[in-house]
Amino acid sequence: MNIALLLQMAAEACPERCALTHEGRQYTFSELYNGAERAAHHFLSAEVKFVALMDVSSPAVPIALMGAAMAGVPYAPINYRLSEAQLKPLLDRISPAYLITDVQVPERQGWVVQRSGEFMNLALSGETPELTWHDDPSAVAVQLFTSGTTGEPKAALLRHEHLVSYILGSVEFMGAGEDEAALVSVPPYHIAGISAVMSNIYACRHIVQLPNFDPKVWLALCAEESVTSAFVVPTMLSRIIESLQQSAMESEALASIRSIAYGGGKMPVPVIEHALALLPNVNFTNAYGLTETSSTITLLDPDDHRAALEQSDGPVRARLGSVGRPLPAVEIEIRDEGGAVMPPLQSGEIYVRGPQVSGEYEGRSVLDGAGWFPTRDAGYVDEEGYLFLSGRADDVIVRGGENISPGEIEDLLHQHKAVSDVAAVGVPSEEWGETIALAVVTTAGQVITEEGLREHVRQHLRSSRVPEMIHFVSELPYNETGKLLRREVRQWFATKAL
């Protein structure tokens, strides 16, 4: 089954229902479907190997995604916040492509580069051509670049069969009423952005797009569009709560909200406790998933939240800090370093298996012989099967739902003449989930200040890479084989024993 069939079914079942609102303009399911068919025709005519979108959320997202699927061309959304130096090697890996972007990029042979407005004009006007779909469930539908243990992004491959399995296993077709609207504010290059498009289309639910998150704008849009559901990362929820606490008027904006799902990073328990107290009538769901698993694999559902809140302590209350239990078709195992399956309450690496699990990167699969995917996340399950995350095996820092490689920051600072050695680690943050901390060894005879280091990072990398905590130390801890002991560095910041 091709993922474009999800849109076709919705367009046939409710053609004139509002499918999407963007900056006040509404689009029906029929318009999106016809637009995707026209887009597919242009993609095929261009004879490209990829369809890429490098932009904020807009109507071009579902049209490009589904049009690429109809044309049998992988869809590869790109982070529009990347610097030119970071962007070039990614574009090299998807050449030639049909690129939809408002960002100025150098000309490339065989490429079609189109501004999003021009693309939408083509997609929404003219005749709808007859089109024979490429319907191979094992074909790659989406290629997402994801950070790992090093600074070089990996290209995760999601095939039609993986994405369709996730949607059919978790969403009821036409399950949404005409009064339901979902506010989507996650970026389109994130797996949550991809799954939000597909799941809401299949449910025939109205999507309301917010291109750039701002808590006050988010609240205003909830009121304006009578939003009933939303997905947020922990940082977003924290800022929404702050706005609600500052003004009683803001709470009225959420009169229509029935459910809020959150994920993309570890949610600080105090934040969700505040949210539950402020919004007692809202159903909260914690969703844990990865790019390589086609999105969500475990859920802490609304009943779990309510049950935990009713307890003052004990294992049930503790589940407010968990990510819930696996979806019906998903299996979870916790394994030690030798591969042995661990019993409940024993930590290890999280492995996952199921029909929605890809576990595949460009040129290689990391699934074992039995189909298990090593997530590189660490955690444990309790006696009832609730999964608790205790860290990441690969030390990636998750700040506001964004994966940040420590090596990216360290590589930059190692080039600074005043820096002899440096370690970047993630430390807990109520606002961001994690924030960046640096332990720095200065070069003898050189002087550098904390603000000087921050400014250096700010000038060369994105603002999200700027460290909030910096400590100067005489040396960093290494083991006998020369491996940096990051856990000890984290402990320094936890105890301030520097």
Protein backbone atom coordinates (compact mmCIF):
# COMPACT_ATOMS: atom_id res chain seq x y z
CA MET A 1 0.00 0.00 0.00
CA ASN A 2 1.25 3.45 -0.98
CA ILE A 3 1.00 6.18 1.68
CA ALA A 4 -0.79 8.37 -0.89
CA LEU A 5 -3.77 6.02 -0.58
CA LEU A 6 -4.35 7.55 2.87
CA LEU A 7 -5.08 10.89 1.19
CA GLN A 8 -7.07 9.31 -1.63
CA MET A 9 -9.36 7.56 0.86
CA ALA A 10 -9.92 10.80 2.76
CA ALA A 11 -10.58 12.76 -0.44
CA GLU A 12 -13.14 10.21 -1.61
CA ALA A 13 -14.85 9.94 1.80
CA CYS A 14 -15.02 13.66 2.66
CA PRO A 15 -13.91 15.68 -0.39
CA GLU A 16 -15.28 19.07 0.70
CA ARG A 17 -14.35 18.85 4.36
CA CYS A 18 -11.65 21.29 5.45
CA ALA A 19 -8.37 19.40 5.52
CA LEU A 20 -5.90 22.16 6.32
CA THR A 21 -5.72 25.79 7.40
CA HIS A 22 -2.58 27.83 6.88
CA GLU A 23 -2.43 31.53 7.71
CA GLY A 24 -6.19 31.84 7.32
CA ARG A 25 -6.44 30.00 3.96
CA GLN A 26 -8.40 26.74 3.97
CA TYR A 27 -7.87 23.70 1.76
CA THR A 28 -10.26 20.77 1.31
CA PHE A 29 -9.21 17.13 1.12
CA SER A 30 -10.12 17.18 -2.56
CA GLU A 31 -7.83 20.16 -3.16
CA LEU A 32 -4.92 18.46 -1.42
CA TYR A 33 -5.44 15.25 -3.39
CA ASN A 34 -5.69 16.98 -6.77
CA GLY A 35 -2.70 19.12 -5.86
CA ALA A 36 -0.66 16.04 -5.02
CA GLU A 37 -1.54 14.46 -8.38
CA ARG A 38 -0.45 17.58 -10.26
CA ALA A 39 2.73 17.73 -8.19
CA ALA A 40 3.46 14.08 -8.97
CA HIS A 41 3.20 14.87 -12.68
CA HIS A 42 5.81 17.63 -12.32
CA PHE A 43 8.09 15.40 -10.26
CA LEU A 44 7.98 12.68 -12.91
CA SER A 45 8.59 15.17 -15.72
CA ALA A 46 11.66 16.48 -13.92
CA GLU A 47 13.21 12.98 -13.81
CA VAL A 48 14.69 13.52 -10.35
CA LYS A 49 15.70 10.95 -7.74
CA PHE A 50 14.29 12.82 -4.71
CA VAL A 51 11.67 15.38 -3.78
CA ALA A 52 13.06 17.68 -1.10
CA LEU A 53 11.35 20.37 0.92
CA MET A 54 13.36 22.89 2.92
CA ASP A 55 10.83 25.22 4.50
CA VAL A 56 8.55 25.83 7.45
CA SER A 57 5.19 24.05 7.66
CA SER A 58 2.90 25.04 4.82
CA PRO A 59 0.34 23.39 2.49
CA ALA A 60 3.32 22.41 0.34
CA VAL A 61 4.21 19.78 2.96
CA PRO A 62 1.29 17.32 2.47
CA ILE A 63 1.16 18.01 -1.27
CA ALA A 64 4.88 17.34 -1.75
CA LEU A 65 4.84 14.29 0.55
CA MET A 66 1.87 12.64 -1.15
CA GLY A 67 2.86 13.79 -4.64
CA ALA A 68 6.29 12.23 -4.21
CA ALA A 69 4.64 8.99 -3.08
CA MET A 70 2.41 8.94 -6.16
CA ALA A 71 5.45 9.52 -8.37
CA GLY A 72 7.44 6.79 -6.65
CA VAL A 73 10.17 9.23 -5.59
CA PRO A 74 11.48 9.39 -2.00
CA TYR A 75 10.49 12.50 -0.06
CA ALA A 76 13.43 14.07 1.80
CA PRO A 77 12.57 17.08 3.98
CA ILE A 78 15.60 19.13 5.03
CA ASN A 79 16.15 21.23 8.13
CA TYR A 80 15.87 24.82 6.89
CA ARG A 81 17.88 26.05 9.90
CA LEU A 82 21.12 24.41 8.75
CA SER A 83 24.10 26.53 7.86
CA GLU A 84 25.43 26.50 4.29
CA ALA A 85 28.35 24.30 5.35
CA GLN A 86 25.99 21.80 6.99
CA LEU A 87 23.53 21.87 4.11
CA LYS A 88 25.86 21.17 1.19
CA PRO A 89 26.80 17.55 2.07
CA LEU A 90 23.13 16.70 2.64
CA LEU A 91 22.10 18.08 -0.74
CA ASP A 92 24.98 16.16 -2.33
CA ARG A 93 23.42 12.94 -1.01
CA ILE A 94 20.00 13.52 -2.63
CA SER A 95 21.12 14.65 -6.07
CA PRO A 96 19.36 15.33 -8.37
CA ALA A 97 16.27 16.56 -6.56
CA TYR A 98 13.16 18.64 -7.02
CA LEU A 99 13.73 21.13 -4.20
CA ILE A 100 10.94 23.28 -2.78
CA THR A 101 12.42 26.11 -0.74
CA ASP A 102 12.50 29.85 -0.18
CA VAL A 103 16.16 29.58 0.85
CA GLN A 104 18.71 30.76 -1.69
CA VAL A 105 20.79 27.77 -2.85
CA PRO A 106 23.45 27.50 -5.58
CA GLU A 107 22.40 26.07 -8.93
CA ARG A 108 22.92 22.33 -9.35
CA GLN A 109 22.88 20.35 -12.57
CA GLY A 110 19.73 18.28 -13.03
CA TRP A 111 17.92 19.97 -10.15
CA VAL A 112 14.63 21.83 -10.13
CA VAL A 113 14.55 24.49 -7.42
CA GLN A 114 11.19 26.14 -6.86
CA ARG A 115 9.91 28.64 -4.32
CA SER A 116 7.06 27.30 -2.21
CA GLY A 117 4.59 29.85 -3.59
CA GLU A 118 5.42 28.88 -7.18
CA PHE A 119 5.09 25.21 -6.31
CA MET A 120 1.66 25.77 -4.77
CA ASN A 121 0.50 27.70 -7.84
CA LEU A 122 1.46 24.75 -10.05
CA ALA A 123 -0.15 22.24 -7.71
CA LEU A 124 -3.46 24.07 -7.35
CA SER A 125 -4.07 25.12 -10.95
CA GLY A 126 -4.44 23.53 -14.36
CA GLU A 127 -5.70 20.16 -15.47
CA THR A 128 -5.29 17.13 -13.26
CA PRO A 129 -3.30 14.65 -15.38
CA GLU A 130 -4.00 10.95 -15.51
CA LEU A 131 -1.43 9.25 -13.36
CA THR A 132 -0.40 5.66 -12.78
CA TRP A 133 0.92 5.36 -9.25
CA HIS A 134 4.09 3.55 -8.33
CA ASP A 135 2.62 1.09 -5.84
CA ASP A 136 5.51 -0.84 -4.33
CA PRO A 137 5.09 -1.15 -0.54
CA SER A 138 8.80 -1.94 -0.16
CA ALA A 139 9.87 1.26 -1.93
CA VAL A 140 11.34 4.12 0.11
CA ALA A 141 8.65 6.70 0.87
CA VAL A 142 10.57 9.08 3.13
CA GLN A 143 14.26 9.71 3.78
CA LEU A 144 14.97 11.67 6.95
CA PHE A 145 18.36 12.91 8.06
CA THR A 146 18.85 12.18 11.72
CA SER A 147 21.75 12.92 14.07
CA GLY A 148 23.57 10.07 15.76
CA THR A 149 26.67 9.73 17.89
CA THR A 150 28.78 11.77 15.50
CA GLY A 151 28.18 15.09 13.82
CA GLU A 152 27.48 13.56 10.40
CA PRO A 153 23.73 12.99 9.91
CA LYS A 154 22.48 9.53 9.02
CA ALA A 155 19.81 9.08 6.36
CA ALA A 156 17.01 6.97 7.82
CA LEU A 157 14.89 5.18 5.22
CA LEU A 158 11.18 4.68 5.84
CA ARG A 159 9.39 2.48 3.35
CA HIS A 160 5.69 2.68 2.51
CA GLU A 161 5.02 -0.55 4.39
CA HIS A 162 6.53 0.84 7.60
CA LEU A 163 4.58 4.12 7.55
CA VAL A 164 1.31 2.50 6.50
CA SER A 165 1.66 -0.11 9.24
CA TYR A 166 2.04 2.65 11.83
CA ILE A 167 -0.99 4.61 10.59
CA LEU A 168 -3.31 1.62 10.18
CA GLY A 169 -2.31 0.30 13.59
CA SER A 170 -2.86 3.54 15.48
CA VAL A 171 -5.47 5.64 13.63
CA GLU A 172 -9.13 4.99 12.85
CA PHE A 173 -10.14 5.91 9.30
CA MET A 174 -12.54 8.90 9.34
CA GLY A 175 -12.32 8.74 13.12
CA ALA A 176 -12.46 12.52 13.51
CA GLY A 177 -15.64 14.54 13.67
CA GLU A 178 -16.12 17.60 11.49
CA ASP A 179 -15.58 19.83 14.53
CA GLU A 180 -12.13 18.39 15.29
CA ALA A 181 -8.97 20.35 14.50
CA ALA A 182 -5.34 19.44 15.23
CA LEU A 183 -2.74 22.16 15.72
CA VAL A 184 0.59 21.09 14.18
CA SER A 185 3.57 23.18 15.25
CA VAL A 186 6.42 20.65 14.96
CA PRO A 187 8.86 21.18 12.06
CA PRO A 188 8.19 19.34 8.79
CA TYR A 189 11.63 17.71 8.72
CA HIS A 190 10.91 15.82 11.97
CA ILE A 191 9.25 12.39 12.02
CA ALA A 192 6.53 13.88 14.24
CA GLY A 193 5.75 16.35 11.47
CA ILE A 194 5.49 13.56 8.91
CA SER A 195 3.28 11.36 11.09
CA ALA A 196 1.04 14.32 12.02
CA VAL A 197 0.26 14.91 8.35
CA MET A 198 -0.50 11.26 7.61
CA SER A 199 -2.46 10.43 10.77
CA ASN A 200 -4.70 13.49 10.64
CA ILE A 201 -5.38 13.08 6.93
CA TYR A 202 -6.36 9.43 7.43
CA ALA A 203 -8.65 10.40 10.31
CA CYS A 204 -10.14 13.17 8.12
CA ARG A 205 -9.18 15.67 10.79
CA HIS A 206 -8.68 19.36 10.06
CA ILE A 207 -4.97 20.32 10.33
CA VAL A 208 -4.10 23.82 11.54
CA GLN A 209 -0.49 24.72 10.79
CA LEU A 210 1.69 27.00 12.90
CA PRO A 211 4.97 27.54 10.98
CA ASN A 212 6.95 29.03 13.88
CA PHE A 213 6.10 28.23 17.48
CA ASP A 214 5.32 31.03 19.88
CA PRO A 215 3.25 30.26 22.99
CA LYS A 216 0.99 33.29 22.70
CA VAL A 217 0.41 32.73 18.98
CA TRP A 218 -0.20 29.04 19.70
CA LEU A 219 -2.86 29.92 22.28
CA ALA A 220 -4.45 32.52 20.01
CA LEU A 221 -4.64 30.01 17.15
CA CYS A 222 -6.25 27.45 19.46
CA ALA A 223 -9.03 29.93 20.16
CA GLU A 224 -9.35 31.20 16.59
CA GLU A 225 -9.61 27.75 14.99
CA SER A 226 -11.36 25.95 17.90
CA VAL A 227 -8.46 23.52 18.09
CA THR A 228 -9.33 20.22 19.79
CA SER A 229 -5.94 18.45 19.79
CA ALA A 230 -2.25 19.24 19.51
CA PHE A 231 1.20 17.70 19.65
CA VAL A 232 4.02 19.53 21.44
CA VAL A 233 7.58 18.86 22.51
CA PRO A 234 8.42 19.41 26.20
CA THR A 235 9.89 22.87 25.62
CA MET A 236 6.69 24.01 23.92
CA LEU A 237 4.50 22.72 26.73
CA SER A 238 6.70 24.43 29.30
CA ARG A 239 6.31 27.78 27.54
CA ILE A 240 2.57 27.30 27.09
CA ILE A 241 2.23 26.66 30.82
CA GLU A 242 4.21 29.82 31.58
CA SER A 243 1.82 31.84 29.42
CA LEU A 244 -1.20 30.27 31.11
CA GLN A 245 0.20 31.05 34.54
CA GLN A 246 0.83 34.67 33.59
CA SER A 247 -2.71 35.41 32.44
CA ALA A 248 -6.10 33.94 33.28
CA MET A 249 -7.30 35.22 29.91
CA GLU A 250 -4.97 32.79 28.16
CA SER A 251 -6.76 29.81 29.73
CA GLU A 252 -9.92 30.75 27.86
CA ALA A 253 -8.05 30.12 24.61
CA LEU A 254 -7.97 26.41 25.44
CA ALA A 255 -11.71 26.03 25.95
CA SER A 256 -11.98 23.75 22.91
CA ILE A 257 -8.87 21.63 23.62
CA ARG A 258 -9.66 17.99 24.40
CA SER A 259 -6.27 16.32 24.08
CA ILE A 260 -2.57 17.19 24.04
CA ALA A 261 0.11 14.70 23.07
CA TYR A 262 3.74 15.36 23.90
CA GLY A 263 7.04 13.76 22.99
CA GLY A 264 10.29 14.37 21.14
CA GLY A 265 12.31 14.53 24.36
CA LYS A 266 12.15 13.63 28.01
CA MET A 267 9.38 15.53 29.77
CA PRO A 268 10.36 16.88 33.21
CA VAL A 269 7.80 15.55 35.68
CA PRO A 270 7.18 19.00 37.27
CA VAL A 271 6.16 20.36 33.88
CA ILE A 272 3.53 17.70 33.20
CA GLU A 273 2.30 18.00 36.80
CA HIS A 274 1.75 21.72 36.28
CA ALA A 275 -0.01 21.04 32.97
CA LEU A 276 -2.35 18.49 34.54
CA ALA A 277 -3.18 20.90 37.35
CA LEU A 278 -3.84 23.83 35.02
CA LEU A 279 -5.81 21.80 32.45
CA PRO A 280 -7.68 19.11 34.42
CA ASN A 281 -10.17 18.45 31.61
CA VAL A 282 -7.55 17.86 28.92
CA ASN A 283 -6.46 14.33 28.02
CA PHE A 284 -2.66 14.13 28.00
CA THR A 285 -0.67 11.47 26.15
CA ASN A 286 3.08 10.89 26.23
CA ALA A 287 4.33 9.45 22.94
CA TYR A 288 7.80 7.93 22.60
CA GLY A 289 9.18 7.03 19.23
CA LEU A 290 12.09 7.41 16.85
CA THR A 291 12.63 8.30 13.23
CA GLU A 292 13.70 4.71 12.54
CA THR A 293 10.45 3.33 14.00
CA SER A 294 8.12 5.50 11.87
CA SER A 295 7.18 7.57 14.95
CA THR A 296 5.42 6.38 18.11
CA ILE A 297 6.15 2.97 19.65
CA THR A 298 4.92 3.49 23.23
CA LEU A 299 2.13 5.56 24.79
CA LEU A 300 1.35 6.78 28.28
CA ASP A 301 -2.35 7.37 27.72
CA PRO A 302 -4.78 9.76 29.48
CA ASP A 303 -5.99 7.07 31.90
CA ASP A 304 -2.37 6.42 32.91
CA HIS A 305 -1.89 10.13 33.60
CA ARG A 306 -5.03 10.32 35.74
CA ALA A 307 -4.17 7.15 37.66
CA ALA A 308 -0.67 8.46 38.40
CA LEU A 309 -1.99 11.82 39.53
CA GLU A 310 -4.36 10.17 42.01
CA GLN A 311 -1.39 8.63 43.86
CA SER A 312 0.97 10.64 46.05
CA ASP A 313 3.83 8.17 45.63
CA GLY A 314 4.60 4.55 44.74
CA PRO A 315 5.00 2.79 41.39
CA VAL A 316 1.77 4.13 39.86
CA ARG A 317 2.72 7.73 40.63
CA ALA A 318 6.19 7.08 39.24
CA ARG A 319 4.66 6.22 35.86
CA LEU A 320 4.10 9.91 35.26
CA GLY A 321 7.81 9.88 34.43
CA SER A 322 7.49 6.95 32.04
CA VAL A 323 6.71 6.85 28.32
CA GLY A 324 4.02 4.22 28.76
CA ARG A 325 3.55 0.82 27.18
CA PRO A 326 4.16 -0.45 23.62
CA LEU A 327 1.57 -0.14 20.87
CA PRO A 328 -0.24 -3.45 20.17
CA ALA A 329 1.98 -4.49 17.24
CA VAL A 330 5.23 -3.36 18.87
CA GLU A 331 7.55 -5.44 21.06
CA ILE A 332 10.09 -3.99 23.50
CA GLU A 333 13.11 -5.67 25.09
CA ILE A 334 15.77 -4.35 27.45
CA ARG A 335 19.18 -5.91 26.86
CA ASP A 336 22.52 -5.67 28.60
CA GLU A 337 25.81 -5.05 26.78
CA GLY A 338 26.13 -8.75 26.05
CA GLY A 339 22.68 -8.97 24.46
CA ALA A 340 20.92 -10.77 27.32
CA VAL A 341 17.31 -9.73 27.95
CA MET A 342 16.99 -7.94 31.28
CA PRO A 343 14.17 -8.51 33.79
CA PRO A 344 11.84 -5.70 34.95
CA LEU A 345 13.46 -2.78 36.78
CA GLN A 346 16.90 -3.60 35.34
CA SER A 347 18.38 -0.99 32.99
CA GLY A 348 19.87 -1.68 29.60
CA GLU A 349 19.56 -0.71 25.96
CA ILE A 350 16.05 -0.55 24.50
CA TYR A 351 15.37 -2.83 21.53
CA VAL A 352 12.16 -2.66 19.50
CA ARG A 353 10.53 -4.88 16.89
CA GLY A 354 7.38 -4.57 14.80
CA PRO A 355 6.02 -4.04 11.27
CA GLN A 356 6.45 -0.25 11.52
CA VAL A 357 10.12 -0.53 12.47
CA SER A 358 12.54 0.27 9.65
CA GLY A 359 15.90 0.24 11.40
CA GLU A 360 17.46 1.06 8.06
CA TYR A 361 19.87 3.75 6.97
CA GLU A 362 21.21 4.67 3.58
CA GLY A 363 23.19 1.65 2.46
CA ARG A 364 22.70 -0.52 5.56
CA SER A 365 20.22 -2.05 7.97
CA VAL A 366 20.96 -2.30 11.69
CA LEU A 367 18.21 -4.82 12.45
CA ASP A 368 19.49 -8.06 13.92
CA GLY A 369 18.60 -11.45 12.48
CA ALA A 370 15.31 -11.57 14.38
CA GLY A 371 14.25 -8.09 13.27
CA TRP A 372 15.11 -6.21 16.48
CA PHE A 373 16.25 -2.58 16.25
CA PRO A 374 18.80 -1.25 18.80
CA THR A 375 17.50 2.21 19.68
CA ARG A 376 20.70 3.31 21.47
CA ASP A 377 18.38 4.63 24.16
CA ALA A 378 18.80 3.29 27.67
CA GLY A 379 15.95 2.45 30.01
CA TYR A 380 13.98 -0.17 31.89
CA VAL A 381 10.44 -1.50 32.20
CA ASP A 382 8.49 -1.93 35.42
CA GLU A 383 6.49 -5.03 36.37
CA GLU A 384 3.49 -3.83 34.34
CA GLY A 385 5.49 -3.16 31.19
CA TYR A 386 5.77 0.64 31.47
CA LEU A 387 8.94 1.91 29.83
CA PHE A 388 11.19 4.41 31.61
CA LEU A 389 13.98 6.22 29.75
CA SER A 390 17.19 6.67 31.70
CA GLY A 391 19.45 8.21 29.09
CA ARG A 392 20.87 7.69 25.64
CA ALA A 393 23.47 5.12 24.94
CA ASP A 394 25.09 7.35 22.34
CA ASP A 395 25.19 10.53 24.45
CA VAL A 396 23.20 12.62 21.99
CA ILE A 397 21.82 15.74 23.70
CA VAL A 398 18.07 16.24 23.21
CA ARG A 399 17.32 19.93 23.66
CA GLY A 400 13.72 20.97 23.06
CA GLY A 401 13.08 17.84 21.01
CA GLU A 402 16.12 18.46 18.79
CA ASN A 403 18.97 15.95 18.70
CA ILE A 404 22.35 17.63 19.11
CA SER A 405 25.65 15.83 18.66
CA PRO A 406 28.23 16.71 21.36
CA GLY A 407 30.90 16.10 18.74
CA GLU A 408 29.59 18.96 16.61
CA ILE A 409 30.26 21.45 19.42
CA GLU A 410 33.49 19.81 20.54
CA ASP A 411 34.92 19.75 17.02
CA LEU A 412 34.34 23.48 16.70
CA LEU A 413 35.87 24.36 20.06
CA HIS A 414 38.85 22.08 19.60
CA GLN A 415 39.84 24.43 16.78
CA HIS A 416 39.92 27.41 19.15
CA LYS A 417 43.47 28.32 20.14
CA ALA A 418 42.48 28.87 23.78
CA VAL A 419 40.84 25.44 24.15
CA SER A 420 43.05 22.46 24.91
CA ASP A 421 40.24 19.98 25.56
CA VAL A 422 36.47 20.12 25.87
CA ALA A 423 33.49 17.88 26.62
CA ALA A 424 29.87 18.74 25.82
CA VAL A 425 27.14 16.95 27.75
CA GLY A 426 23.43 17.30 28.31
CA VAL A 427 22.16 18.20 31.76
CA PRO A 428 18.51 18.19 32.90
CA SER A 429 16.45 21.33 32.25
CA GLU A 430 12.80 21.93 33.10
CA GLU A 431 12.41 24.22 30.10
CA TRP A 432 14.35 22.32 27.44
CA GLY A 433 14.37 18.74 28.72
CA GLU A 434 18.14 18.96 28.44
CA THR A 435 20.52 21.86 28.04
CA ILE A 436 24.15 21.94 26.95
CA ALA A 437 26.99 22.08 29.48
CA LEU A 438 30.69 22.36 28.68
CA ALA A 439 33.73 21.27 30.66
CA VAL A 440 36.71 23.12 29.20
CA VAL A 441 40.46 22.73 29.63
CA THR A 442 42.21 25.93 28.53
CA THR A 443 45.48 26.05 26.63
CA ALA A 444 48.43 27.11 28.76
CA GLY A 445 49.10 30.82 28.41
CA GLN A 446 45.71 31.50 26.78
CA VAL A 447 42.69 33.21 28.29
CA ILE A 448 39.04 32.72 27.29
CA THR A 449 35.87 33.69 29.12
CA GLU A 450 32.55 31.86 29.34
CA GLU A 451 30.88 34.55 27.22
CA GLY A 452 33.73 34.36 24.72
CA LEU A 453 33.11 30.64 24.24
CA ARG A 454 29.36 31.19 23.90
CA GLU A 455 29.90 33.87 21.28
CA HIS A 456 32.29 31.60 19.35
CA VAL A 457 29.66 28.84 19.23
CA ARG A 458 26.92 31.34 18.37
CA GLN A 459 28.91 32.65 15.40
CA HIS A 460 29.65 29.25 13.90
CA LEU A 461 26.69 27.04 14.84
CA ARG A 462 22.97 27.46 15.42
CA SER A 463 21.77 29.22 18.56
CA SER A 464 20.49 25.92 19.97
CA ARG A 465 24.14 24.79 20.25
CA VAL A 466 25.15 27.64 22.59
CA PRO A 467 25.97 26.16 26.04
CA GLU A 468 24.13 27.44 29.09
CA MET A 469 26.65 26.07 31.60
CA ILE A 470 30.44 26.27 31.31
CA HIS A 471 33.04 25.13 33.82
CA PHE A 472 36.80 25.36 33.45
CA VAL A 473 38.70 22.29 34.68
CA SER A 474 42.31 21.17 34.83
CA GLU A 475 41.68 17.91 32.91
CA LEU A 476 38.92 15.70 31.59
CA PRO A 477 38.34 12.10 32.72
CA TYR A 478 39.40 9.35 30.31
CA ASN A 479 39.62 5.59 30.73
CA GLU A 480 42.67 3.51 29.96
CA THR A 481 41.77 3.19 26.29
CA GLY A 482 41.37 6.94 25.84
CA LYS A 483 37.59 7.05 25.89
CA LEU A 484 36.09 10.18 27.41
CA LEU A 485 33.98 9.28 30.46
CA ARG A 486 31.00 11.51 29.80
CA ARG A 487 29.05 10.12 32.72
CA GLU A 488 31.67 11.56 35.07
CA VAL A 489 31.43 14.95 33.36
CA ARG A 490 27.66 14.91 33.80
CA GLN A 491 28.14 14.03 37.45
CA TRP A 492 30.38 17.07 37.87
CA PHE A 493 27.54 19.32 36.83
CA ALA A 494 25.08 17.41 39.00
CA THR A 495 27.25 17.76 42.11
CA LYS A 496 29.18 20.92 41.15
CA ALA A 497 32.27 19.10 42.43
CA LEU A 498 34.68 20.90 40.14
